[in-house]
């Protein structure tokens, strides 16, 4: 079961990968969740895996909250999840945390 979850997370990571990680080229609207998947199911799966301490899942769930994909858009929750991912060593989580905490809506 763990292998299946890890495989799903890796697949989601590839779907959500941003080709340009250069922070100077990023803007408030650049955080996107891309791909063709059941976003409602994925948000539930990522929530479960994040709660078990998998920081990649927290990061990807943060992306979903930032965009409102499969769940209601929630900037505060996205910030919380990006900070958790950042604290867990996910550099992209740190970058997105900085973006969301410095951009005004």
PDB file of N, CA and C in Angstrom:
ATOM      1  N   UNK A   1       0.824  -1.196   0.000  1.00  0.00           N
ATOM      2  CA  UNK A   1       0.000   0.000   0.000  1.00  0.00           C
ATOM      3  C   UNK A   1       0.869   1.262   0.000  1.00  0.00           C
ATOM      4  N   UNK A   2       1.969   1.224   0.796  1.00  0.00           N
ATOM      5  CA  UNK A   2       2.851   2.384   0.847  1.00  0.00           C
ATOM      6  C   UNK A   2       3.455   2.665  -0.521  1.00  0.00           C
ATOM      7  N   UNK A   3       3.797   1.604  -1.254  1.00  0.00           N
ATOM      8  CA  UNK A   3       4.386   1.781  -2.579  1.00  0.00           C
ATOM      9  C   UNK A   3       3.394   2.442  -3.526  1.00  0.00           C
ATOM     10  N   UNK A   4       2.127   2.080  -3.418  1.00  0.00           N
ATOM     11  CA  UNK A   4       1.099   2.668  -4.272  1.00  0.00           C
ATOM     12  C   UNK A   4       0.951   4.156  -3.957  1.00  0.00           C
ATOM     13  N   UNK A   5       0.921   4.494  -2.678  1.00  0.00           N
ATOM     14  CA  UNK A   5       0.785   5.896  -2.279  1.00  0.00           C
ATOM     15  C   UNK A   5       1.995   6.696  -2.746  1.00  0.00           C
ATOM     16  N   UNK A   6       3.184   6.142  -2.566  1.00  0.00           N
ATOM     17  CA  UNK A   6       4.396   6.835  -3.013  1.00  0.00           C
ATOM     18  C   UNK A   6       4.375   7.016  -4.517  1.00  0.00           C
ATOM     19  N   UNK A   7       3.953   5.980  -5.252  1.00  0.00           N
ATOM     20  CA  UNK A   7       3.867   6.074  -6.708  1.00  0.00           C
ATOM     21  C   UNK A   7       2.880   7.165  -7.116  1.00  0.00           C
ATOM     22  N   UNK A   8       1.741   7.243  -6.416  1.00  0.00           N
ATOM     23  CA  UNK A   8       0.756   8.281  -6.723  1.00  0.00           C
ATOM     24  C   UNK A   8       1.327   9.669  -6.439  1.00  0.00           C
ATOM     25  N   UNK A   9       2.071   9.805  -5.346  1.00  0.00           N
ATOM     26  CA  UNK A   9       2.668  11.097  -5.017  1.00  0.00           C
ATOM     27  C   UNK A   9       3.715  11.500  -6.037  1.00  0.00           C
ATOM     28  N   UNK A  10       4.521  10.540  -6.465  1.00  0.00           N
ATOM     29  CA  UNK A  10       5.526  10.835  -7.484  1.00  0.00           C
ATOM     30  C   UNK A  10       4.838  11.258  -8.772  1.00  0.00           C
ATOM     31  N   UNK A  11       3.776  10.545  -9.140  1.00  0.00           N
ATOM     32  CA  UNK A  11       3.035  10.896 -10.353  1.00  0.00           C
ATOM     33  C   UNK A  11       2.454  12.300 -10.241  1.00  0.00           C
ATOM     34  N   UNK A  12       1.871  12.611  -9.091  1.00  0.00           N
ATOM     35  CA  UNK A  12       1.300  13.945  -8.894  1.00  0.00           C
ATOM     36  C   UNK A  12       2.386  15.013  -8.942  1.00  0.00           C
ATOM     37  N   UNK A  13       3.538  14.691  -8.376  1.00  0.00           N
ATOM     38  CA  UNK A  13       4.643  15.646  -8.398  1.00  0.00           C
ATOM     39  C   UNK A  13       5.029  15.986  -9.822  1.00  0.00           C
ATOM     40  N   UNK A  14       5.092  14.971 -10.683  1.00  0.00           N
ATOM     41  CA  UNK A  14       5.420  15.228 -12.079  1.00  0.00           C
ATOM     42  C   UNK A  14       4.329  16.049 -12.759  1.00  0.00           C
ATOM     43  N   UNK A  15       3.073  15.807 -12.384  1.00  0.00           N
ATOM     44  CA  UNK A  15       1.979  16.561 -12.986  1.00  0.00           C
ATOM     45  C   UNK A  15       2.001  18.024 -12.561  1.00  0.00           C
ATOM     46  N   UNK A  16       2.449  18.256 -11.335  1.00  0.00           N
ATOM     47  CA  UNK A  16       2.404  19.620 -10.813  1.00  0.00           C
ATOM     48  C   UNK A  16       3.739  20.346 -10.916  1.00  0.00           C
ATOM     49  N   UNK A  17       4.725  19.682 -11.491  1.00  0.00           N
ATOM     50  CA  UNK A  17       6.058  20.298 -11.576  1.00  0.00           C
ATOM     51  C   UNK A  17       6.000  21.582 -12.390  1.00  0.00           C
ATOM     52  N   UNK A  18       6.677  22.549 -11.901  1.00  0.00           N
ATOM     53  CA  UNK A  18       6.757  23.832 -12.596  1.00  0.00           C
ATOM     54  C   UNK A  18       8.077  23.859 -13.348  1.00  0.00           C
ATOM     55  N   UNK A  19       8.042  24.099 -14.661  1.00  0.00           N
ATOM     56  CA  UNK A  19       9.251  24.081 -15.470  1.00  0.00           C
ATOM     57  C   UNK A  19      10.240  25.173 -15.096  1.00  0.00           C
ATOM     58  N   UNK A  20       9.756  26.231 -14.506  1.00  0.00           N
ATOM     59  CA  UNK A  20      10.648  27.338 -14.182  1.00  0.00           C
ATOM     60  C   UNK A  20      10.588  27.606 -12.692  1.00  0.00           C
ATOM     61  N   UNK A  21      11.567  27.129 -11.953  1.00  0.00           N
ATOM     62  CA  UNK A  21      11.584  27.325 -10.509  1.00  0.00           C
ATOM     63  C   UNK A  21      12.338  28.577 -10.101  1.00  0.00           C
ATOM     64  N   UNK A  22      12.673  29.408 -11.053  1.00  0.00           N
ATOM     65  CA  UNK A  22      13.396  30.638 -10.767  1.00  0.00           C
ATOM     66  C   UNK A  22      12.445  31.605 -10.070  1.00  0.00           C
ATOM     67  N   UNK A  23      12.724  31.885  -8.818  1.00  0.00           N
ATOM     68  CA  UNK A  23      11.813  32.713  -8.016  1.00  0.00           C
ATOM     69  C   UNK A  23      11.582  34.085  -8.623  1.00  0.00           C
ATOM     70  N   UNK A  24      12.559  34.631  -9.330  1.00  0.00           N
ATOM     71  CA  UNK A  24      12.387  35.962  -9.902  1.00  0.00           C
ATOM     72  C   UNK A  24      11.341  35.987 -11.005  1.00  0.00           C
ATOM     73  N   UNK A  25      11.036  34.835 -11.584  1.00  0.00           N
ATOM     74  CA  UNK A  25      10.041  34.765 -12.651  1.00  0.00           C
ATOM     75  C   UNK A  25       8.668  34.346 -12.137  1.00  0.00           C
ATOM     76  N   UNK A  26       8.530  34.184 -10.835  1.00  0.00           N
ATOM     77  CA  UNK A  26       7.265  33.721 -10.276  1.00  0.00           C
ATOM     78  C   UNK A  26       6.437  34.915  -9.823  1.00  0.00           C
ATOM     79  N   UNK A  27       5.141  34.739  -9.862  1.00  0.00           N
ATOM     80  CA  UNK A  27       4.248  35.793  -9.393  1.00  0.00           C
ATOM     81  C   UNK A  27       3.153  35.169  -8.549  1.00  0.00           C
ATOM     82  N   UNK A  28       2.281  35.985  -7.997  1.00  0.00           N
ATOM     83  CA  UNK A  28       1.216  35.468  -7.135  1.00  0.00           C
ATOM     84  C   UNK A  28       0.343  34.449  -7.853  1.00  0.00           C
ATOM     85  N   UNK A  29       0.134  34.617  -9.126  1.00  0.00           N
ATOM     86  CA  UNK A  29      -0.746  33.725  -9.871  1.00  0.00           C
ATOM     87  C   UNK A  29      -0.055  32.545 -10.499  1.00  0.00           C
ATOM     88  N   UNK A  30       1.200  32.290 -10.165  1.00  0.00           N
ATOM     89  CA  UNK A  30       1.935  31.245 -10.867  1.00  0.00           C
ATOM     90  C   UNK A  30       1.797  29.870 -10.243  1.00  0.00           C
ATOM     91  N   UNK A  31       1.200  29.754  -9.070  1.00  0.00           N
ATOM     92  CA  UNK A  31       1.082  28.456  -8.420  1.00  0.00           C
ATOM     93  C   UNK A  31      -0.083  27.710  -9.062  1.00  0.00           C
ATOM     94  N   UNK A  32       0.219  26.598  -9.709  1.00  0.00           N
ATOM     95  CA  UNK A  32      -0.809  25.858 -10.432  1.00  0.00           C
ATOM     96  C   UNK A  32      -0.768  24.374 -10.110  1.00  0.00           C
ATOM     97  N   UNK A  33      -1.928  23.772 -10.094  1.00  0.00           N
ATOM     98  CA  UNK A  33      -2.029  22.324 -10.027  1.00  0.00           C
ATOM     99  C   UNK A  33      -2.509  21.890 -11.396  1.00  0.00           C
ATOM    100  N   UNK A  34      -1.684  21.100 -12.083  1.00  0.00           N
ATOM    101  CA  UNK A  34      -2.014  20.689 -13.438  1.00  0.00           C
ATOM    102  C   UNK A  34      -2.222  19.188 -13.483  1.00  0.00           C
ATOM    103  N   UNK A  35      -2.906  18.755 -14.514  1.00  0.00           N
ATOM    104  CA  UNK A  35      -3.050  17.326 -14.741  1.00  0.00           C
ATOM    105  C   UNK A  35      -4.500  16.922 -14.796  1.00  0.00           C
ATOM    106  N   UNK A  36      -4.676  15.721 -15.167  1.00  0.00           N
ATOM    107  CA  UNK A  36      -6.016  15.164 -15.291  1.00  0.00           C
ATOM    108  C   UNK A  36      -6.157  14.062 -14.251  1.00  0.00           C
ATOM    109  N   UNK A  37      -6.788  14.352 -13.147  1.00  0.00           N
ATOM    110  CA  UNK A  37      -6.977  13.377 -12.089  1.00  0.00           C
ATOM    111  C   UNK A  37      -8.221  13.746 -11.301  1.00  0.00           C
ATOM    112  N   UNK A  38      -8.705  12.810 -10.506  1.00  0.00           N
ATOM    113  CA  UNK A  38      -9.862  13.050  -9.650  1.00  0.00           C
ATOM    114  C   UNK A  38      -9.386  13.903  -8.474  1.00  0.00           C
ATOM    115  N   UNK A  39      -9.575  15.197  -8.576  1.00  0.00           N
ATOM    116  CA  UNK A  39      -9.016  16.111  -7.584  1.00  0.00           C
ATOM    117  C   UNK A  39      -9.640  15.940  -6.201  1.00  0.00           C
ATOM    118  N   UNK A  40     -10.897  15.568  -6.121  1.00  0.00           N
ATOM    119  CA  UNK A  40     -11.527  15.346  -4.823  1.00  0.00           C
ATOM    120  C   UNK A  40     -10.870  14.165  -4.114  1.00  0.00           C
ATOM    121  N   UNK A  41     -10.704  13.060  -4.844  1.00  0.00           N
ATOM    122  CA  UNK A  41     -10.037  11.887  -4.280  1.00  0.00           C
ATOM    123  C   UNK A  41      -8.597  12.230  -3.901  1.00  0.00           C
ATOM    124  N   UNK A  42      -7.902  12.954  -4.776  1.00  0.00           N
ATOM    125  CA  UNK A  42      -6.503  13.284  -4.533  1.00  0.00           C
ATOM    126  C   UNK A  42      -6.352  14.160  -3.300  1.00  0.00           C
ATOM    127  N   UNK A  43      -7.257  15.116  -3.098  1.00  0.00           N
ATOM    128  CA  UNK A  43      -7.146  15.978  -1.913  1.00  0.00           C
ATOM    129  C   UNK A  43      -7.324  15.162  -0.634  1.00  0.00           C
ATOM    130  N   UNK A  44      -8.234  14.196  -0.653  1.00  0.00           N
ATOM    131  CA  UNK A  44      -8.429  13.337   0.524  1.00  0.00           C
ATOM    132  C   UNK A  44      -7.204  12.466   0.768  1.00  0.00           C
ATOM    133  N   UNK A  45      -6.657  11.908  -0.300  1.00  0.00           N
ATOM    134  CA  UNK A  45      -5.468  11.066  -0.184  1.00  0.00           C
ATOM    135  C   UNK A  45      -4.285  11.878   0.347  1.00  0.00           C
ATOM    136  N   UNK A  46      -4.066  13.053  -0.224  1.00  0.00           N
ATOM    137  CA  UNK A  46      -2.948  13.888   0.211  1.00  0.00           C
ATOM    138  C   UNK A  46      -3.108  14.339   1.659  1.00  0.00           C
ATOM    139  N   UNK A  47      -4.336  14.621   2.080  1.00  0.00           N
ATOM    140  CA  UNK A  47      -4.579  15.000   3.472  1.00  0.00           C
ATOM    141  C   UNK A  47      -4.148  13.880   4.404  1.00  0.00           C
ATOM    142  N   UNK A  48      -4.553  12.657   4.084  1.00  0.00           N
ATOM    143  CA  UNK A  48      -4.199  11.496   4.900  1.00  0.00           C
ATOM    144  C   UNK A  48      -2.690  11.301   4.956  1.00  0.00           C
ATOM    145  N   UNK A  49      -2.047  11.370   3.800  1.00  0.00           N
ATOM    146  CA  UNK A  49      -0.603  11.136   3.732  1.00  0.00           C
ATOM    147  C   UNK A  49       0.160  12.275   4.412  1.00  0.00           C
ATOM    148  N   UNK A  50      -0.300  13.503   4.252  1.00  0.00           N
ATOM    149  CA  UNK A  50       0.333  14.651   4.911  1.00  0.00           C
ATOM    150  C   UNK A  50       0.254  14.501   6.428  1.00  0.00           C
ATOM    151  N   UNK A  51      -0.900  14.086   6.919  1.00  0.00           N
ATOM    152  CA  UNK A  51      -1.079  13.899   8.359  1.00  0.00           C
ATOM    153  C   UNK A  51      -0.148  12.830   8.910  1.00  0.00           C
ATOM    154  N   UNK A  52       0.311  11.923   8.045  1.00  0.00           N
ATOM    155  CA  UNK A  52       1.249  10.873   8.457  1.00  0.00           C
ATOM    156  C   UNK A  52       2.700  11.324   8.339  1.00  0.00           C
ATOM    157  N   UNK A  53       2.917  12.599   7.966  1.00  0.00           N
ATOM    158  CA  UNK A  53       4.249  13.163   7.981  1.00  0.00           C
ATOM    159  C   UNK A  53       5.005  13.168   6.672  1.00  0.00           C
ATOM    160  N   UNK A  54       4.336  12.906   5.559  1.00  0.00           N
ATOM    161  CA  UNK A  54       4.998  12.943   4.254  1.00  0.00           C
ATOM    162  C   UNK A  54       4.925  14.367   3.712  1.00  0.00           C
ATOM    163  N   UNK A  55       6.059  15.041   3.726  1.00  0.00           N
ATOM    164  CA  UNK A  55       6.095  16.457   3.379  1.00  0.00           C
ATOM    165  C   UNK A  55       5.759  16.737   1.916  1.00  0.00           C
ATOM    166  N   UNK A  56       6.054  15.801   1.021  1.00  0.00           N
ATOM    167  CA  UNK A  56       5.687  15.986  -0.385  1.00  0.00           C
ATOM    168  C   UNK A  56       4.171  16.092  -0.526  1.00  0.00           C
ATOM    169  N   UNK A  57       3.460  15.307   0.265  1.00  0.00           N
ATOM    170  CA  UNK A  57       1.998  15.351   0.242  1.00  0.00           C
ATOM    171  C   UNK A  57       1.495  16.693   0.774  1.00  0.00           C
ATOM    172  N   UNK A  58       2.130  17.197   1.819  1.00  0.00           N
ATOM    173  CA  UNK A  58       1.743  18.502   2.372  1.00  0.00           C
ATOM    174  C   UNK A  58       1.942  19.595   1.329  1.00  0.00           C
ATOM    175  N   UNK A  59       3.065  19.524   0.624  1.00  0.00           N
ATOM    176  CA  UNK A  59       3.347  20.506  -0.428  1.00  0.00           C
ATOM    177  C   UNK A  59       2.286  20.451  -1.526  1.00  0.00           C
ATOM    178  N   UNK A  60       2.001  19.245  -2.020  1.00  0.00           N
ATOM    179  CA  UNK A  60       1.025  19.105  -3.106  1.00  0.00           C
ATOM    180  C   UNK A  60      -0.381  19.486  -2.653  1.00  0.00           C
ATOM    181  N   UNK A  61      -0.717  19.194  -1.413  1.00  0.00           N
ATOM    182  CA  UNK A  61      -2.011  19.615  -0.875  1.00  0.00           C
ATOM    183  C   UNK A  61      -2.062  21.141  -0.774  1.00  0.00           C
ATOM    184  N   UNK A  62      -0.948  21.753  -0.416  1.00  0.00           N
ATOM    185  CA  UNK A  62      -0.860  23.213  -0.401  1.00  0.00           C
ATOM    186  C   UNK A  62      -1.134  23.805  -1.771  1.00  0.00           C
ATOM    187  N   UNK A  63      -0.607  23.149  -2.816  1.00  0.00           N
ATOM    188  CA  UNK A  63      -0.885  23.596  -4.181  1.00  0.00           C
ATOM    189  C   UNK A  63      -2.381  23.547  -4.478  1.00  0.00           C
ATOM    190  N   UNK A  64      -3.024  22.470  -4.042  1.00  0.00           N
ATOM    191  CA  UNK A  64      -4.458  22.333  -4.295  1.00  0.00           C
ATOM    192  C   UNK A  64      -5.245  23.423  -3.569  1.00  0.00           C
ATOM    193  N   UNK A  65      -4.887  23.716  -2.321  1.00  0.00           N
ATOM    194  CA  UNK A  65      -5.567  24.786  -1.584  1.00  0.00           C
ATOM    195  C   UNK A  65      -5.287  26.151  -2.205  1.00  0.00           C
ATOM    196  N   UNK A  66      -4.081  26.357  -2.696  1.00  0.00           N
ATOM    197  CA  UNK A  66      -3.738  27.644  -3.310  1.00  0.00           C
ATOM    198  C   UNK A  66      -4.562  27.898  -4.567  1.00  0.00           C
ATOM    199  N   UNK A  67      -4.850  26.841  -5.316  1.00  0.00           N
ATOM    200  CA  UNK A  67      -5.590  26.968  -6.575  1.00  0.00           C
ATOM    201  C   UNK A  67      -7.079  26.676  -6.429  1.00  0.00           C
ATOM    202  N   UNK A  68      -7.479  26.029  -5.334  1.00  0.00           N
ATOM    203  CA  UNK A  68      -8.871  25.623  -5.192  1.00  0.00           C
ATOM    204  C   UNK A  68      -9.201  24.423  -6.059  1.00  0.00           C
ATOM    205  N   UNK A  69      -8.250  23.520  -6.230  1.00  0.00           N
ATOM    206  CA  UNK A  69      -8.448  22.321  -7.053  1.00  0.00           C
ATOM    207  C   UNK A  69      -8.964  21.174  -6.195  1.00  0.00           C
ATOM    208  N   UNK A  70     -10.227  20.804  -6.384  1.00  0.00           N
ATOM    209  CA  UNK A  70     -10.803  19.683  -5.649  1.00  0.00           C
ATOM    210  C   UNK A  70     -11.255  20.036  -4.248  1.00  0.00           C
ATOM    211  N   UNK A  71     -10.879  21.193  -3.787  1.00  0.00           N
ATOM    212  CA  UNK A  71     -11.244  21.688  -2.468  1.00  0.00           C
ATOM    213  C   UNK A  71     -11.433  23.197  -2.584  1.00  0.00           C
ATOM    214  N   UNK A  72     -12.093  23.765  -1.617  1.00  0.00           N
ATOM    215  CA  UNK A  72     -12.312  25.207  -1.638  1.00  0.00           C
ATOM    216  C   UNK A  72     -10.977  25.930  -1.493  1.00  0.00           C
ATOM    217  N   UNK A  73     -10.766  26.926  -2.333  1.00  0.00           N
ATOM    218  CA  UNK A  73      -9.531  27.713  -2.278  1.00  0.00           C
ATOM    219  C   UNK A  73      -9.400  28.328  -0.890  1.00  0.00           C
ATOM    220  N   UNK A  74      -8.214  28.161  -0.292  1.00  0.00           N
ATOM    221  CA  UNK A  74      -8.005  28.634   1.067  1.00  0.00           C
ATOM    222  C   UNK A  74      -6.537  29.046   1.215  1.00  0.00           C
ATOM    223  N   UNK A  75      -6.286  30.334   1.082  1.00  0.00           N
ATOM    224  CA  UNK A  75      -4.910  30.845   1.124  1.00  0.00           C
ATOM    225  C   UNK A  75      -4.246  30.552   2.469  1.00  0.00           C
ATOM    226  N   UNK A  76      -4.975  30.710   3.565  1.00  0.00           N
ATOM    227  CA  UNK A  76      -4.401  30.475   4.894  1.00  0.00           C
ATOM    228  C   UNK A  76      -3.971  29.018   5.055  1.00  0.00           C
ATOM    229  N   UNK A  77      -4.799  28.091   4.581  1.00  0.00           N
ATOM    230  CA  UNK A  77      -4.459  26.662   4.667  1.00  0.00           C
ATOM    231  C   UNK A  77      -3.275  26.350   3.758  1.00  0.00           C
ATOM    232  N   UNK A  78      -3.236  26.958   2.571  1.00  0.00           N
ATOM    233  CA  UNK A  78      -2.107  26.752   1.654  1.00  0.00           C
ATOM    234  C   UNK A  78      -0.814  27.234   2.306  1.00  0.00           C
ATOM    235  N   UNK A  79      -0.855  28.393   2.938  1.00  0.00           N
ATOM    236  CA  UNK A  79       0.327  28.934   3.625  1.00  0.00           C
ATOM    237  C   UNK A  79       0.777  27.979   4.727  1.00  0.00           C
ATOM    238  N   UNK A  80      -0.178  27.482   5.512  1.00  0.00           N
ATOM    239  CA  UNK A  80       0.134  26.543   6.595  1.00  0.00           C
ATOM    240  C   UNK A  80       0.814  25.281   6.049  1.00  0.00           C
ATOM    241  N   UNK A  81       0.273  24.746   4.953  1.00  0.00           N
ATOM    242  CA  UNK A  81       0.834  23.524   4.375  1.00  0.00           C
ATOM    243  C   UNK A  81       2.194  23.768   3.730  1.00  0.00           C
ATOM    244  N   UNK A  82       2.363  24.911   3.069  1.00  0.00           N
ATOM    245  CA  UNK A  82       3.669  25.227   2.487  1.00  0.00           C
ATOM    246  C   UNK A  82       4.716  25.409   3.589  1.00  0.00           C
ATOM    247  N   UNK A  83       4.327  26.031   4.698  1.00  0.00           N
ATOM    248  CA  UNK A  83       5.262  26.201   5.810  1.00  0.00           C
ATOM    249  C   UNK A  83       5.642  24.839   6.389  1.00  0.00           C
ATOM    250  N   UNK A  84       4.667  23.953   6.534  1.00  0.00           N
ATOM    251  CA  UNK A  84       4.938  22.606   7.044  1.00  0.00           C
ATOM    252  C   UNK A  84       5.892  21.865   6.105  1.00  0.00           C
ATOM    253  N   UNK A  85       5.643  21.966   4.800  1.00  0.00           N
ATOM    254  CA  UNK A  85       6.513  21.322   3.816  1.00  0.00           C
ATOM    255  C   UNK A  85       7.913  21.927   3.869  1.00  0.00           C
ATOM    256  N   UNK A  86       7.993  23.232   3.998  1.00  0.00           N
ATOM    257  CA  UNK A  86       9.282  23.928   4.093  1.00  0.00           C
ATOM    258  C   UNK A  86      10.044  23.449   5.325  1.00  0.00           C
ATOM    259  N   UNK A  87       9.360  23.398   6.455  1.00  0.00           N
ATOM    260  CA  UNK A  87       9.984  22.921   7.693  1.00  0.00           C
ATOM    261  C   UNK A  87      10.454  21.475   7.555  1.00  0.00           C
ATOM    262  N   UNK A  88       9.791  20.723   6.663  1.00  0.00           N
ATOM    263  CA  UNK A  88      10.153  19.331   6.420  1.00  0.00           C
ATOM    264  C   UNK A  88      11.189  19.151   5.327  1.00  0.00           C
ATOM    265  N   UNK A  89      11.744  20.258   4.822  1.00  0.00           N
ATOM    266  CA  UNK A  89      12.832  20.164   3.861  1.00  0.00           C
ATOM    267  C   UNK A  89      12.453  20.272   2.400  1.00  0.00           C
ATOM    268  N   UNK A  90      11.208  20.642   2.097  1.00  0.00           N
ATOM    269  CA  UNK A  90      10.770  20.786   0.710  1.00  0.00           C
ATOM    270  C   UNK A  90      10.999  22.239   0.286  1.00  0.00           C
ATOM    271  N   UNK A  91      12.023  22.468  -0.533  1.00  0.00           N
ATOM    272  CA  UNK A  91      12.413  23.826  -0.943  1.00  0.00           C
ATOM    273  C   UNK A  91      11.277  24.558  -1.657  1.00  0.00           C
ATOM    274  N   UNK A  92      10.525  23.843  -2.496  1.00  0.00           N
ATOM    275  CA  UNK A  92       9.412  24.472  -3.213  1.00  0.00           C
ATOM    276  C   UNK A  92       8.355  24.977  -2.234  1.00  0.00           C
ATOM    277  N   UNK A  93       8.203  24.274  -1.109  1.00  0.00           N
ATOM    278  CA  UNK A  93       7.285  24.727  -0.070  1.00  0.00           C
ATOM    279  C   UNK A  93       7.724  26.069   0.496  1.00  0.00           C
ATOM    280  N   UNK A  94       9.037  26.225   0.685  1.00  0.00           N
ATOM    281  CA  UNK A  94       9.586  27.499   1.175  1.00  0.00           C
ATOM    282  C   UNK A  94       9.317  28.618   0.175  1.00  0.00           C
ATOM    283  N   UNK A  95       9.551  28.322  -1.100  1.00  0.00           N
ATOM    284  CA  UNK A  95       9.344  29.328  -2.149  1.00  0.00           C
ATOM    285  C   UNK A  95       7.885  29.767  -2.218  1.00  0.00           C
ATOM    286  N   UNK A  96       6.968  28.797  -2.211  1.00  0.00           N
ATOM    287  CA  UNK A  96       5.550  29.139  -2.300  1.00  0.00           C
ATOM    288  C   UNK A  96       5.063  29.834  -1.030  1.00  0.00           C
ATOM    289  N   UNK A  97       5.608  29.457   0.115  1.00  0.00           N
ATOM    290  CA  UNK A  97       5.280  30.141   1.364  1.00  0.00           C
ATOM    291  C   UNK A  97       5.650  31.621   1.256  1.00  0.00           C
ATOM    292  N   UNK A  98       6.857  31.892   0.759  1.00  0.00           N
ATOM    293  CA  UNK A  98       7.308  33.279   0.598  1.00  0.00           C
ATOM    294  C   UNK A  98       6.406  34.040  -0.369  1.00  0.00           C
ATOM    295  N   UNK A  99       6.040  33.392  -1.469  1.00  0.00           N
ATOM    296  CA  UNK A  99       5.182  34.039  -2.466  1.00  0.00           C
ATOM    297  C   UNK A  99       3.835  34.421  -1.851  1.00  0.00           C
ATOM    298  N   UNK A 100       3.200  33.472  -1.181  1.00  0.00           N
ATOM    299  CA  UNK A 100       1.859  33.726  -0.646  1.00  0.00           C
ATOM    300  C   UNK A 100       1.859  34.694   0.531  1.00  0.00           C
ATOM    301  N   UNK A 101       2.940  34.737   1.285  1.00  0.00           N
ATOM    302  CA  UNK A 101       2.960  35.642   2.438  1.00  0.00           C
ATOM    303  C   UNK A 101       3.399  37.049   2.069  1.00  0.00           C
ATOM    304  N   UNK A 102       3.937  37.235   0.861  1.00  0.00           N
ATOM    305  CA  UNK A 102       4.351  38.576   0.450  1.00  0.00           C
ATOM    306  C   UNK A 102       3.422  39.196  -0.585  1.00  0.00           C
ATOM    307  N   UNK A 103       2.536  38.407  -1.175  1.00  0.00           N
ATOM    308  CA  UNK A 103       1.613  38.920  -2.198  1.00  0.00           C
ATOM    309  C   UNK A 103       0.304  39.347  -1.556  1.00  0.00           C
ATOM    310  N   UNK A 104      -0.227  40.439  -2.048  1.00  0.00           N
ATOM    311  CA  UNK A 104      -1.533  40.897  -1.587  1.00  0.00           C
ATOM    312  C   UNK A 104      -2.587  40.420  -2.562  1.00  0.00           C
ATOM    313  N   UNK A 105      -3.769  40.145  -2.037  1.00  0.00           N
ATOM    314  CA  UNK A 105      -4.872  39.721  -2.913  1.00  0.00           C
ATOM    315  C   UNK A 105      -5.595  40.908  -3.459  1.00  0.00           C
TER     316      UNK A 105
END
